[in-house]
Amino acid sequence: MNDGNSKYDHKIIKIRQQLIDAFGMPEWREPLPPVDELVSTILSQNTNDDNRDVAFNQLKMAFPDWEAVAAANTEDVIDAIRTAGLANQKGPRIQGALKEIKAHNGGKIDLEFLRDMPHEEARDWLMSIKGVGPKTAAIVLLFSMGISAFPVDTHIYRVTGRIGVRPKKLTVEKTHDYLEDCIPEDAYYDLHLNLIRLGREVCGARKWNCYRCPIEDLCSYDEKNFEDDNSRAY
């Protein structure tokens, strides 16, 4: 929860507005139901959006519902999601997640019970599932359930370090809590999406075009004294 006292509040507010001025107010793709969003985000790990979507649609076509996925032969699930890559890992993760939800929720594969939990408890519950990290949990909470959370993916981790809104050596895991504390909650949605766009189109991992950056005047990047961390934030 933001208390208004973070030393980065003013800078982040300016960054947010300049990104909106440059990119507009972004919109997430059509929100999915919470369980669908969880499965989709697990599929997104280490692949692109197109491959994720193909694998997700193939999985939905191969099985009538999530109960059938949970009960299926694991090899059949793996075959259905092979397009997403790392299917041998993701298949068991998806089935394990569905089974944990079912066991916790009286035999029903549904995540609506998270709405009755405090934010931290809901996030911790999701992260107790094997293969679900802080980014995946935050995406489900923010985009599918409208619960305040700030997902940190690889682009956001890199960009926030470069522009100087998080300590350089802060881990991915700690960055989630840190940014949630110093970003106003009403900025989580658009700032998450616009920082990702900035990271993809301007401030890349191997190539960055500062002359095109809409927040160059607010950036404190020092190439000589900064090392990007390629950690992934699932």
C-alpha atoms as a PDB file:
ATOM      1  CA  MET A   1       0.000   0.000   0.000  1.00  0.00           C
ATOM      2  CA  ASN A   2       1.391   3.378  -0.987  1.00  0.00           C
ATOM      3  CA  ASP A   3       1.678   5.833   1.923  1.00  0.00           C
ATOM      4  CA  GLY A   4       2.605   8.884  -0.136  1.00  0.00           C
ATOM      5  CA  ASN A   5       6.019   9.238   1.483  1.00  0.00           C
ATOM      6  CA  SER A   6       8.247   7.353  -0.941  1.00  0.00           C
ATOM      7  CA  LYS A   7      11.152   9.388  -2.250  1.00  0.00           C
ATOM      8  CA  TYR A   8      10.326   8.111  -5.731  1.00  0.00           C
ATOM      9  CA  ASP A   9       6.642   9.044  -5.748  1.00  0.00           C
ATOM     10  CA  HIS A  10       7.084  12.366  -7.546  1.00  0.00           C
ATOM     11  CA  LYS A  11       9.401  10.918 -10.172  1.00  0.00           C
ATOM     12  CA  ILE A  12       7.139   7.944 -10.798  1.00  0.00           C
ATOM     13  CA  ILE A  13       4.107  10.181 -11.190  1.00  0.00           C
ATOM     14  CA  LYS A  14       5.988  12.224 -13.804  1.00  0.00           C
ATOM     15  CA  ILE A  15       7.155   9.053 -15.560  1.00  0.00           C
ATOM     16  CA  ARG A  16       3.618   7.736 -15.590  1.00  0.00           C
ATOM     17  CA  GLN A  17       2.202  10.902 -17.140  1.00  0.00           C
ATOM     18  CA  GLN A  18       4.915  11.187 -19.787  1.00  0.00           C
ATOM     19  CA  LEU A  19       4.377   7.563 -20.801  1.00  0.00           C
ATOM     20  CA  ILE A  20       0.630   8.185 -21.094  1.00  0.00           C
ATOM     21  CA  ASP A  21       1.349  11.293 -23.167  1.00  0.00           C
ATOM     22  CA  ALA A  22       3.582   9.240 -25.483  1.00  0.00           C
ATOM     23  CA  PHE A  23       1.765   5.890 -25.614  1.00  0.00           C
ATOM     24  CA  GLY A  24      -1.747   6.707 -24.480  1.00  0.00           C
ATOM     25  CA  MET A  25      -3.774   4.960 -21.794  1.00  0.00           C
ATOM     26  CA  PRO A  26      -3.140   1.262 -22.473  1.00  0.00           C
ATOM     27  CA  GLU A  27      -5.639  -1.559 -22.327  1.00  0.00           C
ATOM     28  CA  TRP A  28      -4.918  -5.164 -21.389  1.00  0.00           C
ATOM     29  CA  ARG A  29      -6.208  -7.776 -23.778  1.00  0.00           C
ATOM     30  CA  GLU A  30      -9.673  -9.137 -23.024  1.00  0.00           C
ATOM     31  CA  PRO A  31      -9.476 -10.202 -19.358  1.00  0.00           C
ATOM     32  CA  LEU A  32      -9.719 -13.938 -18.780  1.00  0.00           C
ATOM     33  CA  PRO A  33     -11.421 -15.666 -15.845  1.00  0.00           C
ATOM     34  CA  PRO A  34      -8.918 -16.085 -12.973  1.00  0.00           C
ATOM     35  CA  VAL A  35      -8.122 -19.785 -13.538  1.00  0.00           C
ATOM     36  CA  ASP A  36      -7.764 -19.192 -17.277  1.00  0.00           C
ATOM     37  CA  GLU A  37      -5.442 -16.258 -16.580  1.00  0.00           C
ATOM     38  CA  LEU A  38      -3.347 -18.397 -14.256  1.00  0.00           C
ATOM     39  CA  VAL A  39      -2.955 -21.141 -16.854  1.00  0.00           C
ATOM     40  CA  SER A  40      -2.251 -18.619 -19.614  1.00  0.00           C
ATOM     41  CA  THR A  41       0.424 -16.900 -17.538  1.00  0.00           C
ATOM     42  CA  ILE A  42       2.120 -20.199 -16.717  1.00  0.00           C
ATOM     43  CA  LEU A  43       2.172 -20.900 -20.457  1.00  0.00           C
ATOM     44  CA  SER A  44       3.702 -17.468 -21.110  1.00  0.00           C
ATOM     45  CA  GLN A  45       6.881 -18.259 -19.195  1.00  0.00           C
ATOM     46  CA  ASN A  46       9.917 -18.212 -21.505  1.00  0.00           C
ATOM     47  CA  THR A  47       7.902 -17.720 -24.677  1.00  0.00           C
ATOM     48  CA  ASN A  48       6.171 -14.968 -26.634  1.00  0.00           C
ATOM     49  CA  ASP A  49       2.532 -13.951 -26.558  1.00  0.00           C
ATOM     50  CA  ASP A  50       1.681 -15.639 -29.853  1.00  0.00           C
ATOM     51  CA  ASN A  51       3.007 -19.028 -28.759  1.00  0.00           C
ATOM     52  CA  ARG A  52       1.283 -18.658 -25.402  1.00  0.00           C
ATOM     53  CA  ASP A  53      -2.058 -17.945 -27.052  1.00  0.00           C
ATOM     54  CA  VAL A  54      -1.755 -20.818 -29.516  1.00  0.00           C
ATOM     55  CA  ALA A  55      -0.911 -23.265 -26.722  1.00  0.00           C
ATOM     56  CA  PHE A  56      -3.714 -21.950 -24.510  1.00  0.00           C
ATOM     57  CA  ASN A  57      -6.287 -22.315 -27.292  1.00  0.00           C
ATOM     58  CA  GLN A  58      -5.031 -25.807 -28.126  1.00  0.00           C
ATOM     59  CA  LEU A  59      -5.372 -26.803 -24.481  1.00  0.00           C
ATOM     60  CA  LYS A  60      -8.932 -25.474 -24.322  1.00  0.00           C
ATOM     61  CA  MET A  61      -9.811 -27.311 -27.531  1.00  0.00           C
ATOM     62  CA  ALA A  62      -8.280 -30.581 -26.342  1.00  0.00           C
ATOM     63  CA  PHE A  63     -10.224 -30.719 -23.048  1.00  0.00           C
ATOM     64  CA  PRO A  64     -13.819 -29.754 -22.188  1.00  0.00           C
ATOM     65  CA  ASP A  65     -12.973 -28.007 -18.898  1.00  0.00           C
ATOM     66  CA  TRP A  66     -10.264 -27.530 -16.273  1.00  0.00           C
ATOM     67  CA  GLU A  67     -11.442 -30.574 -14.333  1.00  0.00           C
ATOM     68  CA  ALA A  68     -10.647 -32.681 -17.380  1.00  0.00           C
ATOM     69  CA  VAL A  69      -7.190 -31.083 -17.675  1.00  0.00           C
ATOM     70  CA  ALA A  70      -6.447 -31.803 -14.012  1.00  0.00           C
ATOM     71  CA  ALA A  71      -7.496 -35.460 -14.389  1.00  0.00           C
ATOM     72  CA  ALA A  72      -5.882 -36.062 -17.782  1.00  0.00           C
ATOM     73  CA  ASN A  73      -2.840 -38.114 -18.602  1.00  0.00           C
ATOM     74  CA  THR A  74       0.047 -35.691 -18.243  1.00  0.00           C
ATOM     75  CA  GLU A  75       1.448 -36.601 -21.655  1.00  0.00           C
ATOM     76  CA  ASP A  76      -1.797 -35.499 -23.269  1.00  0.00           C
ATOM     77  CA  VAL A  77      -1.565 -32.117 -21.566  1.00  0.00           C
ATOM     78  CA  ILE A  78       2.065 -31.793 -22.633  1.00  0.00           C
ATOM     79  CA  ASP A  79       1.154 -32.567 -26.240  1.00  0.00           C
ATOM     80  CA  ALA A  80      -1.593 -29.938 -26.212  1.00  0.00           C
ATOM     81  CA  ILE A  81       0.693 -27.128 -25.017  1.00  0.00           C
ATOM     82  CA  ARG A  82       3.887 -28.019 -26.842  1.00  0.00           C
ATOM     83  CA  THR A  83       3.772 -24.791 -28.880  1.00  0.00           C
ATOM     84  CA  ALA A  84       4.501 -22.769 -25.722  1.00  0.00           C
ATOM     85  CA  GLY A  85       7.840 -24.503 -25.161  1.00  0.00           C
ATOM     86  CA  LEU A  86       9.062 -26.202 -21.975  1.00  0.00           C
ATOM     87  CA  ALA A  87       5.904 -28.310 -22.169  1.00  0.00           C
ATOM     88  CA  ASN A  88       7.399 -31.061 -20.002  1.00  0.00           C
ATOM     89  CA  GLN A  89       7.623 -28.520 -17.155  1.00  0.00           C
ATOM     90  CA  LYS A  90       4.500 -26.505 -17.839  1.00  0.00           C
ATOM     91  CA  GLY A  91       2.150 -29.472 -18.234  1.00  0.00           C
ATOM     92  CA  PRO A  92       2.725 -30.839 -14.713  1.00  0.00           C
ATOM     93  CA  ARG A  93       2.729 -27.283 -13.300  1.00  0.00           C
ATOM     94  CA  ILE A  94      -0.679 -26.564 -14.790  1.00  0.00           C
ATOM     95  CA  GLN A  95      -2.132 -29.839 -13.553  1.00  0.00           C
ATOM     96  CA  GLY A  96      -0.612 -29.319 -10.118  1.00  0.00           C
ATOM     97  CA  ALA A  97      -2.058 -25.802  -9.902  1.00  0.00           C
ATOM     98  CA  LEU A  98      -5.528 -26.992 -10.896  1.00  0.00           C
ATOM     99  CA  LYS A  99      -5.417 -29.816  -8.362  1.00  0.00           C
ATOM    100  CA  GLU A 100      -4.337 -27.468  -5.563  1.00  0.00           C
ATOM    101  CA  ILE A 101      -7.171 -25.065  -6.363  1.00  0.00           C
ATOM    102  CA  LYS A 102      -9.634 -27.934  -6.419  1.00  0.00           C
ATOM    103  CA  ALA A 103      -8.419 -29.327  -3.094  1.00  0.00           C
ATOM    104  CA  HIS A 104      -8.561 -25.924  -1.415  1.00  0.00           C
ATOM    105  CA  ASN A 105     -11.936 -24.978  -2.851  1.00  0.00           C
ATOM    106  CA  GLY A 106     -14.109 -27.936  -1.962  1.00  0.00           C
ATOM    107  CA  GLY A 107     -13.619 -29.751  -5.229  1.00  0.00           C
ATOM    108  CA  LYS A 108     -14.295 -26.713  -7.415  1.00  0.00           C
ATOM    109  CA  ILE A 109     -11.647 -25.284  -9.751  1.00  0.00           C
ATOM    110  CA  ASP A 110     -12.329 -21.616  -9.158  1.00  0.00           C
ATOM    111  CA  LEU A 111     -10.276 -18.758  -7.670  1.00  0.00           C
ATOM    112  CA  GLU A 112     -13.099 -16.478  -6.544  1.00  0.00           C
ATOM    113  CA  PHE A 113     -12.265 -17.280  -2.913  1.00  0.00           C
ATOM    114  CA  LEU A 114      -9.195 -15.054  -3.282  1.00  0.00           C
ATOM    115  CA  ARG A 115     -11.462 -11.994  -3.292  1.00  0.00           C
ATOM    116  CA  ASP A 116     -12.221 -12.610   0.389  1.00  0.00           C
ATOM    117  CA  MET A 117      -8.547 -12.573   1.362  1.00  0.00           C
ATOM    118  CA  PRO A 118      -6.326  -9.575   2.105  1.00  0.00           C
ATOM    119  CA  HIS A 119      -4.106  -8.752  -0.869  1.00  0.00           C
ATOM    120  CA  GLU A 120      -0.966 -10.207   0.688  1.00  0.00           C
ATOM    121  CA  GLU A 121      -2.708 -13.449   1.641  1.00  0.00           C
ATOM    122  CA  ALA A 122      -4.175 -13.861  -1.836  1.00  0.00           C
ATOM    123  CA  ARG A 123      -0.772 -13.349  -3.415  1.00  0.00           C
ATOM    124  CA  ASP A 124       0.934 -15.697  -0.978  1.00  0.00           C
ATOM    125  CA  TRP A 125      -1.696 -18.367  -1.614  1.00  0.00           C
ATOM    126  CA  LEU A 126      -1.123 -18.217  -5.355  1.00  0.00           C
ATOM    127  CA  MET A 127       2.638 -18.268  -4.862  1.00  0.00           C
ATOM    128  CA  SER A 128       2.352 -21.400  -2.737  1.00  0.00           C
ATOM    129  CA  ILE A 129       1.545 -23.247  -5.970  1.00  0.00           C
ATOM    130  CA  LYS A 130       4.633 -24.762  -7.558  1.00  0.00           C
ATOM    131  CA  GLY A 131       5.679 -22.770 -10.626  1.00  0.00           C
ATOM    132  CA  VAL A 132       3.767 -19.636  -9.632  1.00  0.00           C
ATOM    133  CA  GLY A 133       5.998 -16.702  -8.771  1.00  0.00           C
ATOM    134  CA  PRO A 134       5.246 -13.093  -7.865  1.00  0.00           C
ATOM    135  CA  LYS A 135       4.720 -11.956 -11.472  1.00  0.00           C
ATOM    136  CA  THR A 136       2.221 -14.694 -12.284  1.00  0.00           C
ATOM    137  CA  ALA A 137       0.329 -14.102  -9.033  1.00  0.00           C
ATOM    138  CA  ALA A 138       0.217 -10.343  -9.596  1.00  0.00           C
ATOM    139  CA  ILE A 139      -1.055 -10.703 -13.164  1.00  0.00           C
ATOM    140  CA  VAL A 140      -3.940 -12.905 -12.031  1.00  0.00           C
ATOM    141  CA  LEU A 141      -4.825 -10.522  -9.208  1.00  0.00           C
ATOM    142  CA  LEU A 142      -4.542  -7.264 -11.158  1.00  0.00           C
ATOM    143  CA  PHE A 143      -5.835  -8.066 -14.613  1.00  0.00           C
ATOM    144  CA  SER A 144      -8.320 -10.839 -13.951  1.00  0.00           C
ATOM    145  CA  MET A 145      -9.628  -9.963 -10.501  1.00  0.00           C
ATOM    146  CA  GLY A 146      -9.075  -6.227 -10.175  1.00  0.00           C
ATOM    147  CA  ILE A 147      -7.084  -6.701  -6.971  1.00  0.00           C
ATOM    148  CA  SER A 148      -4.222  -4.239  -6.470  1.00  0.00           C
ATOM    149  CA  ALA A 149      -0.880  -5.733  -7.479  1.00  0.00           C
ATOM    150  CA  PHE A 150       2.051  -4.606  -9.618  1.00  0.00           C
ATOM    151  CA  PRO A 151       3.486  -7.399 -11.806  1.00  0.00           C
ATOM    152  CA  VAL A 152       7.204  -7.138 -12.541  1.00  0.00           C
ATOM    153  CA  ASP A 153       8.337  -8.892 -15.697  1.00  0.00           C
ATOM    154  CA  THR A 154      11.791  -8.899 -17.291  1.00  0.00           C
ATOM    155  CA  HIS A 155      11.187  -5.622 -19.145  1.00  0.00           C
ATOM    156  CA  ILE A 156       9.947  -3.776 -16.068  1.00  0.00           C
ATOM    157  CA  TYR A 157      12.782  -5.082 -13.934  1.00  0.00           C
ATOM    158  CA  ARG A 158      15.334  -3.894 -16.486  1.00  0.00           C
ATOM    159  CA  VAL A 159      13.733  -0.519 -17.196  1.00  0.00           C
ATOM    160  CA  THR A 160      13.058   0.453 -13.582  1.00  0.00           C
ATOM    161  CA  GLY A 161      16.668  -0.273 -12.748  1.00  0.00           C
ATOM    162  CA  ARG A 162      17.961   1.798 -15.642  1.00  0.00           C
ATOM    163  CA  ILE A 163      15.767   4.821 -15.044  1.00  0.00           C
ATOM    164  CA  GLY A 164      16.531   4.785 -11.335  1.00  0.00           C
ATOM    165  CA  VAL A 165      13.242   4.028  -9.626  1.00  0.00           C
ATOM    166  CA  ARG A 166      14.541   0.964  -7.801  1.00  0.00           C
ATOM    167  CA  PRO A 167      17.909   0.134  -6.233  1.00  0.00           C
ATOM    168  CA  LYS A 168      20.221  -1.384  -8.835  1.00  0.00           C
ATOM    169  CA  LYS A 169      20.944  -4.589  -6.928  1.00  0.00           C
ATOM    170  CA  LEU A 170      17.409  -5.275  -5.726  1.00  0.00           C
ATOM    171  CA  THR A 171      16.250  -8.803  -6.580  1.00  0.00           C
ATOM    172  CA  VAL A 172      13.261  -9.466  -8.812  1.00  0.00           C
ATOM    173  CA  GLU A 173      11.286 -10.861  -5.889  1.00  0.00           C
ATOM    174  CA  LYS A 174      11.906  -7.806  -3.688  1.00  0.00           C
ATOM    175  CA  THR A 175      11.220  -5.454  -6.596  1.00  0.00           C
ATOM    176  CA  HIS A 176       7.536  -6.429  -6.576  1.00  0.00           C
ATOM    177  CA  ASP A 177       7.060  -5.241  -2.990  1.00  0.00           C
ATOM    178  CA  TYR A 178       9.312  -2.227  -3.477  1.00  0.00           C
ATOM    179  CA  LEU A 179       7.461  -0.889  -6.517  1.00  0.00           C
ATOM    180  CA  GLU A 180       4.057  -1.592  -4.994  1.00  0.00           C
ATOM    181  CA  ASP A 181       5.102   0.593  -2.069  1.00  0.00           C
ATOM    182  CA  CYS A 182       6.263   3.556  -4.148  1.00  0.00           C
ATOM    183  CA  ILE A 183       3.723   3.508  -7.010  1.00  0.00           C
ATOM    184  CA  PRO A 184       0.185   4.820  -6.425  1.00  0.00           C
ATOM    185  CA  GLU A 185      -2.282   1.952  -6.691  1.00  0.00           C
ATOM    186  CA  ASP A 186      -4.288   3.694  -9.390  1.00  0.00           C
ATOM    187  CA  ALA A 187      -1.144   3.700 -11.543  1.00  0.00           C
ATOM    188  CA  TYR A 188      -0.454  -0.036 -11.352  1.00  0.00           C
ATOM    189  CA  TYR A 189      -2.455  -0.950 -14.454  1.00  0.00           C
ATOM    190  CA  ASP A 190      -1.280   1.629 -16.986  1.00  0.00           C
ATOM    191  CA  LEU A 191       2.275   1.943 -15.664  1.00  0.00           C
ATOM    192  CA  HIS A 192       2.811  -1.816 -15.856  1.00  0.00           C
ATOM    193  CA  LEU A 193       1.678  -1.947 -19.486  1.00  0.00           C
ATOM    194  CA  ASN A 194       3.445   1.228 -20.594  1.00  0.00           C
ATOM    195  CA  LEU A 195       6.753   0.261 -18.969  1.00  0.00           C
ATOM    196  CA  ILE A 196       6.586  -3.055 -20.811  1.00  0.00           C
ATOM    197  CA  ARG A 197       5.989  -1.190 -24.072  1.00  0.00           C
ATOM    198  CA  LEU A 198       8.933   1.085 -23.293  1.00  0.00           C
ATOM    199  CA  GLY A 199      11.128  -1.955 -22.656  1.00  0.00           C
ATOM    200  CA  ARG A 200      10.061  -3.675 -25.860  1.00  0.00           C
ATOM    201  CA  GLU A 201      10.135  -0.725 -28.247  1.00  0.00           C
ATOM    202  CA  VAL A 202      12.761   1.651 -26.865  1.00  0.00           C
ATOM    203  CA  CYS A 203      14.774   0.382 -23.890  1.00  0.00           C
ATOM    204  CA  GLY A 204      15.711  -3.109 -25.017  1.00  0.00           C
ATOM    205  CA  ALA A 205      17.968  -5.587 -23.285  1.00  0.00           C
ATOM    206  CA  ARG A 206      20.725  -5.355 -25.908  1.00  0.00           C
ATOM    207  CA  LYS A 207      19.806  -2.177 -27.756  1.00  0.00           C
ATOM    208  CA  TRP A 208      18.316   0.999 -26.385  1.00  0.00           C
ATOM    209  CA  ASN A 209      17.357   4.132 -28.308  1.00  0.00           C
ATOM    210  CA  CYS A 210      17.556   6.949 -25.810  1.00  0.00           C
ATOM    211  CA  TYR A 211      16.850   9.572 -28.497  1.00  0.00           C
ATOM    212  CA  ARG A 212      13.356   8.045 -28.882  1.00  0.00           C
ATOM    213  CA  CYS A 213      12.639   7.695 -25.181  1.00  0.00           C
ATOM    214  CA  PRO A 214       9.685   9.733 -23.891  1.00  0.00           C
ATOM    215  CA  ILE A 215      11.163   9.796 -20.379  1.00  0.00           C
ATOM    216  CA  GLU A 216      14.819  10.441 -21.244  1.00  0.00           C
ATOM    217  CA  ASP A 217      14.766  13.640 -19.183  1.00  0.00           C
ATOM    218  CA  LEU A 218      13.830  11.581 -16.106  1.00  0.00           C
ATOM    219  CA  CYS A 219      16.289   8.742 -16.647  1.00  0.00           C
ATOM    220  CA  SER A 220      19.382   8.276 -14.489  1.00  0.00           C
ATOM    221  CA  TYR A 221      20.939   5.470 -16.540  1.00  0.00           C
ATOM    222  CA  ASP A 222      24.714   5.293 -16.361  1.00  0.00           C
ATOM    223  CA  GLU A 223      25.942   2.677 -18.817  1.00  0.00           C
ATOM    224  CA  LYS A 224      29.383   2.465 -17.226  1.00  0.00           C
ATOM    225  CA  ASN A 225      28.044   1.734 -13.747  1.00  0.00           C
ATOM    226  CA  PHE A 226      24.986  -0.388 -14.448  1.00  0.00           C
ATOM    227  CA  GLU A 227      24.685  -4.080 -15.092  1.00  0.00           C
ATOM    228  CA  ASP A 228      21.364  -5.418 -16.308  1.00  0.00           C
ATOM    229  CA  ASP A 229      20.130  -8.511 -14.476  1.00  0.00           C
ATOM    230  CA  ASN A 230      18.473 -11.034 -16.773  1.00  0.00           C
ATOM    231  CA  SER A 231      16.536 -12.664 -13.933  1.00  0.00           C
ATOM    232  CA  ARG A 232      13.028 -13.680 -14.913  1.00  0.00           C
ATOM    233  CA  ALA A 233      10.038 -12.825 -12.802  1.00  0.00           C
ATOM    234  CA  TYR A 234       7.491 -15.594 -13.034  1.00  0.00           C
END
